[in-house]
Amino acid sequence: MDVLLRVLAEGGCGMFAIRKPSTTHNHPQPPTIESLKSAIMHIEHLYIEALRNDDPLLIREIYARYSIQAMRWIRQQGGSIEDAKDIFQDTLLIIYDKAQRPDFVLTCPFGALLHIIYTRKWVDRLRLKNRETMVRNAEELRYESEFSENVISVAEDTLAEQKRQAQIPAGEQSLNGAQ
């Protein structure tokens, strides 16, 4: 087949890529890129165009329509409002970057694409937090083992000696030091 239509998708979301037709075969003319795009383009592709063209009204609509769902989901998963705001913003930046590619076509509801991305970003953040917690716990164990009871008793002895030295009058300290 001269035209390869490939939907890169999970749950039907994605973009398509088209291979240019070969000129060595005498086949009927393949459909144009524009006709293929319009055949699989989701109606909410206008949000992709809004991001592509920096349309402030539609971008506000994206926030108004979808940010509450994202915040609710992230809060239900144990995140804070700030986590939810950060994740939603990161999600829109990812889609914005994709939207800058002229061949990007939305093939699923915009909300579904957002949901896929922000759930993955949240899971990634949880993994990172777990790694940080594991590192902190390992460091605490290492410090605890470094400060064994011998080290603590030596420190206590040193403090006791310093207190004893502080209680001896200055003149006697020099005599004791000379002995």
Foldseek 3Di string as FASTA:
>chain_A
DQWDWDAPDDVQWGFTDIHHGDPPDPDPDDDDLVVVLVVQFDPQQVLLVCLLVVPPVSVVVCCVPALVVQQVVLVVVVDDSVLSVVLLVVLVVVSSVVSNDPRGGTRDDPNVSSVVRSVVVSVVVVVVVVVVVVVVVVVVVVVDVVCDVVNVVVVVVVVVVVVVLVPDDPVVNVVVVVD
